[in-house]
Amino acid sequence: MIDTYIYIVSQTTGFSKTKLLSRGRTSQLCDARFCLYLALYDTTSLSYYEIGKQLRKDHTTIIHGVNKAKCKLSSDARFAHLYHTIET
């Protein structure tokens, strides 16, 4: 299931799976990751811990990403468009 979301984000953003799961910190890459985290959290029954475990990230990283994504949804039209593209 998570691989499907990674594939969708990868296809939408142009970042490879390896890049999405890397430690890179460019704003575009972080936005793609935050969209992935929020989509997984909002549309699956997975907990922060389970998402983190599947993505090889600490659960606090997932919490931070989801919180940042929720903030950006209301303030960044480009981010909101990216998220809604991925979510559907």
N, C-alpha and C. Protein backbone atom coordinates (compact mmCIF):
# COMPACT_ATOMS: atom_id res chain seq x y z
N MET A 1 0.81 -1.19 0.00
CA MET A 1 0.00 0.00 0.00
C MET A 1 0.87 1.27 0.00
N ILE A 2 1.86 1.32 0.86
CA ILE A 2 2.72 2.49 0.94
C ILE A 2 3.48 2.67 -0.37
N ASP A 3 3.87 1.58 -1.01
CA ASP A 3 4.58 1.68 -2.28
C ASP A 3 3.73 2.37 -3.35
N THR A 4 2.42 2.16 -3.29
CA THR A 4 1.53 2.83 -4.24
C THR A 4 1.58 4.34 -4.05
N TYR A 5 1.54 4.79 -2.81
CA TYR A 5 1.62 6.22 -2.51
C TYR A 5 2.98 6.78 -2.92
N ILE A 6 4.03 6.05 -2.65
CA ILE A 6 5.37 6.50 -3.05
C ILE A 6 5.43 6.63 -4.57
N TYR A 7 4.87 5.67 -5.28
CA TYR A 7 4.86 5.71 -6.74
C TYR A 7 4.10 6.94 -7.24
N ILE A 8 2.94 7.21 -6.67
CA ILE A 8 2.13 8.36 -7.09
C ILE A 8 2.88 9.67 -6.84
N VAL A 9 3.48 9.80 -5.66
CA VAL A 9 4.25 11.01 -5.35
C VAL A 9 5.45 11.12 -6.28
N SER A 10 6.09 10.02 -6.54
CA SER A 10 7.25 10.01 -7.44
C SER A 10 6.85 10.46 -8.84
N GLN A 11 5.77 9.92 -9.35
CA GLN A 11 5.30 10.28 -10.69
C GLN A 11 4.85 11.74 -10.76
N THR A 12 4.23 12.22 -9.70
CA THR A 12 3.71 13.59 -9.67
C THR A 12 4.82 14.62 -9.54
N THR A 13 5.84 14.30 -8.74
CA THR A 13 6.89 15.28 -8.45
C THR A 13 8.16 15.10 -9.26
N GLY A 14 8.36 13.89 -9.80
CA GLY A 14 9.58 13.62 -10.55
C GLY A 14 10.74 13.14 -9.69
N PHE A 15 10.52 13.00 -8.39
CA PHE A 15 11.56 12.48 -7.50
C PHE A 15 11.47 10.96 -7.45
N SER A 16 12.62 10.30 -7.49
CA SER A 16 12.64 8.84 -7.40
C SER A 16 12.31 8.41 -5.97
N LYS A 17 11.98 7.13 -5.83
CA LYS A 17 11.72 6.58 -4.50
C LYS A 17 12.93 6.78 -3.60
N THR A 18 14.11 6.53 -4.15
CA THR A 18 15.35 6.70 -3.38
C THR A 18 15.49 8.13 -2.88
N LYS A 19 15.20 9.09 -3.75
CA LYS A 19 15.31 10.50 -3.39
C LYS A 19 14.26 10.86 -2.33
N LEU A 20 13.03 10.36 -2.50
CA LEU A 20 11.97 10.66 -1.53
C LEU A 20 12.32 10.16 -0.13
N LEU A 21 13.01 9.03 -0.07
CA LEU A 21 13.33 8.43 1.22
C LEU A 21 14.72 8.83 1.72
N SER A 22 15.39 9.70 0.97
CA SER A 22 16.73 10.13 1.35
C SER A 22 16.67 11.18 2.45
N ARG A 23 17.84 11.70 2.80
CA ARG A 23 17.93 12.74 3.82
C ARG A 23 17.98 14.14 3.21
N GLY A 24 17.76 14.24 1.90
CA GLY A 24 17.80 15.53 1.21
C GLY A 24 16.83 16.52 1.83
N ARG A 25 17.19 17.82 1.79
CA ARG A 25 16.37 18.82 2.46
C ARG A 25 16.00 20.01 1.60
N THR A 26 16.01 19.85 0.27
CA THR A 26 15.56 20.96 -0.56
C THR A 26 14.07 21.17 -0.32
N SER A 27 13.59 22.37 -0.55
CA SER A 27 12.19 22.66 -0.24
C SER A 27 11.24 21.82 -1.09
N GLN A 28 11.58 21.61 -2.37
CA GLN A 28 10.70 20.80 -3.22
C GLN A 28 10.66 19.35 -2.75
N LEU A 29 11.78 18.82 -2.34
CA LEU A 29 11.84 17.44 -1.86
C LEU A 29 11.08 17.31 -0.53
N CYS A 30 11.27 18.26 0.36
CA CYS A 30 10.55 18.24 1.63
C CYS A 30 9.04 18.33 1.40
N ASP A 31 8.62 19.20 0.49
CA ASP A 31 7.19 19.31 0.18
C ASP A 31 6.64 17.98 -0.32
N ALA A 32 7.39 17.31 -1.18
CA ALA A 32 6.95 16.01 -1.69
C ALA A 32 6.82 15.00 -0.55
N ARG A 33 7.80 14.99 0.34
CA ARG A 33 7.75 14.09 1.50
C ARG A 33 6.57 14.42 2.40
N PHE A 34 6.38 15.71 2.69
CA PHE A 34 5.27 16.11 3.56
C PHE A 34 3.93 15.69 2.96
N CYS A 35 3.78 15.82 1.65
CA CYS A 35 2.56 15.37 0.98
C CYS A 35 2.38 13.86 1.14
N LEU A 36 3.46 13.14 1.01
CA LEU A 36 3.42 11.69 1.18
C LEU A 36 2.97 11.33 2.60
N TYR A 37 3.59 11.96 3.59
CA TYR A 37 3.24 11.68 4.98
C TYR A 37 1.77 11.98 5.25
N LEU A 38 1.31 13.15 4.80
CA LEU A 38 -0.08 13.55 5.07
C LEU A 38 -1.06 12.64 4.34
N ALA A 39 -0.77 12.31 3.09
CA ALA A 39 -1.66 11.41 2.35
C ALA A 39 -1.76 10.06 3.03
N LEU A 40 -0.64 9.53 3.49
CA LEU A 40 -0.66 8.25 4.19
C LEU A 40 -1.44 8.34 5.50
N TYR A 41 -1.22 9.43 6.23
CA TYR A 41 -1.89 9.57 7.52
C TYR A 41 -3.40 9.79 7.35
N ASP A 42 -3.78 10.60 6.36
CA ASP A 42 -5.20 10.93 6.17
C ASP A 42 -6.01 9.83 5.51
N THR A 43 -5.39 9.04 4.65
CA THR A 43 -6.18 8.11 3.85
C THR A 43 -5.98 6.64 4.21
N THR A 44 -5.13 6.37 5.18
CA THR A 44 -4.95 4.98 5.63
C THR A 44 -5.22 4.94 7.14
N SER A 45 -5.25 3.75 7.66
CA SER A 45 -5.44 3.60 9.10
C SER A 45 -4.11 3.44 9.83
N LEU A 46 -3.01 3.76 9.13
CA LEU A 46 -1.68 3.60 9.71
C LEU A 46 -1.39 4.69 10.73
N SER A 47 -0.71 4.31 11.80
CA SER A 47 -0.30 5.27 12.82
C SER A 47 0.99 5.96 12.37
N TYR A 48 1.37 7.02 13.09
CA TYR A 48 2.64 7.69 12.82
C TYR A 48 3.79 6.68 12.91
N TYR A 49 3.72 5.85 13.92
CA TYR A 49 4.78 4.85 14.13
C TYR A 49 4.86 3.89 12.95
N GLU A 50 3.71 3.40 12.48
CA GLU A 50 3.70 2.44 11.37
C GLU A 50 4.19 3.07 10.07
N ILE A 51 3.78 4.32 9.83
CA ILE A 51 4.25 5.02 8.62
C ILE A 51 5.76 5.19 8.70
N GLY A 52 6.24 5.64 9.84
CA GLY A 52 7.68 5.83 10.03
C GLY A 52 8.46 4.55 9.84
N LYS A 53 7.95 3.46 10.39
CA LYS A 53 8.62 2.18 10.28
C LYS A 53 8.72 1.74 8.81
N GLN A 54 7.64 1.91 8.06
CA GLN A 54 7.63 1.52 6.65
C GLN A 54 8.56 2.39 5.81
N LEU A 55 8.70 3.66 6.18
CA LEU A 55 9.52 4.60 5.41
C LEU A 55 10.94 4.73 5.98
N ARG A 56 11.23 3.96 7.02
CA ARG A 56 12.52 4.01 7.70
C ARG A 56 12.82 5.41 8.26
N LYS A 57 11.80 5.99 8.89
CA LYS A 57 11.91 7.30 9.52
C LYS A 57 11.38 7.18 10.95
N ASP A 58 11.84 8.05 11.82
CA ASP A 58 11.33 8.08 13.18
C ASP A 58 9.90 8.62 13.16
N HIS A 59 9.06 8.14 14.07
CA HIS A 59 7.67 8.59 14.07
C HIS A 59 7.55 10.09 14.32
N THR A 60 8.51 10.69 15.03
CA THR A 60 8.45 12.14 15.25
C THR A 60 8.70 12.92 13.97
N THR A 61 9.45 12.34 13.05
CA THR A 61 9.65 12.94 11.74
C THR A 61 8.34 12.98 10.98
N ILE A 62 7.57 11.90 11.08
CA ILE A 62 6.27 11.83 10.41
C ILE A 62 5.31 12.85 11.03
N ILE A 63 5.29 12.94 12.36
CA ILE A 63 4.42 13.91 13.03
C ILE A 63 4.76 15.32 12.56
N HIS A 64 6.04 15.65 12.55
CA HIS A 64 6.48 16.97 12.12
C HIS A 64 6.05 17.24 10.67
N GLY A 65 6.26 16.26 9.81
CA GLY A 65 5.90 16.42 8.40
C GLY A 65 4.41 16.60 8.19
N VAL A 66 3.60 15.85 8.91
CA VAL A 66 2.14 15.97 8.81
C VAL A 66 1.71 17.35 9.30
N ASN A 67 2.27 17.80 10.41
CA ASN A 67 1.90 19.12 10.94
C ASN A 67 2.31 20.23 9.97
N LYS A 68 3.51 20.13 9.39
CA LYS A 68 3.95 21.13 8.41
C LYS A 68 3.04 21.11 7.18
N ALA A 69 2.67 19.92 6.73
CA ALA A 69 1.80 19.79 5.56
C ALA A 69 0.45 20.43 5.82
N LYS A 70 -0.12 20.21 6.99
CA LYS A 70 -1.42 20.82 7.32
C LYS A 70 -1.34 22.34 7.31
N CYS A 71 -0.26 22.90 7.81
CA CYS A 71 -0.06 24.36 7.79
C CYS A 71 0.09 24.87 6.36
N LYS A 72 0.86 24.14 5.57
CA LYS A 72 1.11 24.59 4.19
C LYS A 72 -0.12 24.47 3.31
N LEU A 73 -1.03 23.57 3.63
CA LEU A 73 -2.24 23.42 2.82
C LEU A 73 -3.03 24.72 2.75
N SER A 74 -3.08 25.45 3.85
CA SER A 74 -3.88 26.67 3.89
C SER A 74 -3.11 27.91 3.45
N SER A 75 -1.79 27.82 3.37
CA SER A 75 -1.02 29.02 3.07
C SER A 75 -0.24 28.97 1.75
N ASP A 76 -0.16 27.82 1.12
CA ASP A 76 0.67 27.66 -0.08
C ASP A 76 -0.16 26.96 -1.17
N ALA A 77 -0.60 27.73 -2.15
CA ALA A 77 -1.46 27.20 -3.21
C ALA A 77 -0.78 26.09 -4.01
N ARG A 78 0.53 26.25 -4.27
CA ARG A 78 1.27 25.23 -5.01
C ARG A 78 1.30 23.91 -4.24
N PHE A 79 1.54 24.01 -2.94
CA PHE A 79 1.57 22.82 -2.10
C PHE A 79 0.18 22.16 -2.05
N ALA A 80 -0.85 22.98 -1.90
CA ALA A 80 -2.22 22.45 -1.84
C ALA A 80 -2.57 21.72 -3.14
N HIS A 81 -2.17 22.29 -4.27
CA HIS A 81 -2.43 21.64 -5.56
C HIS A 81 -1.69 20.30 -5.64
N LEU A 82 -0.44 20.29 -5.21
CA LEU A 82 0.34 19.05 -5.21
C LEU A 82 -0.32 18.00 -4.32
N TYR A 83 -0.73 18.38 -3.14
CA TYR A 83 -1.36 17.43 -2.23
C TYR A 83 -2.65 16.87 -2.81
N HIS A 84 -3.50 17.74 -3.34
CA HIS A 84 -4.78 17.28 -3.88
C HIS A 84 -4.61 16.43 -5.13
N THR A 85 -3.56 16.66 -5.88
CA THR A 85 -3.23 15.80 -7.02
C THR A 85 -2.85 14.40 -6.53
N ILE A 86 -2.07 14.35 -5.49
CA ILE A 86 -1.61 13.07 -4.93
C ILE A 86 -2.74 12.33 -4.23
N GLU A 87 -3.56 13.09 -3.53
CA GLU A 87 -4.62 12.50 -2.70
C GLU A 87 -5.68 11.80 -3.57
N THR A 88 -5.94 12.29 -4.76
CA THR A 88 -7.01 11.74 -5.58
C THR A 88 -6.60 10.57 -6.43
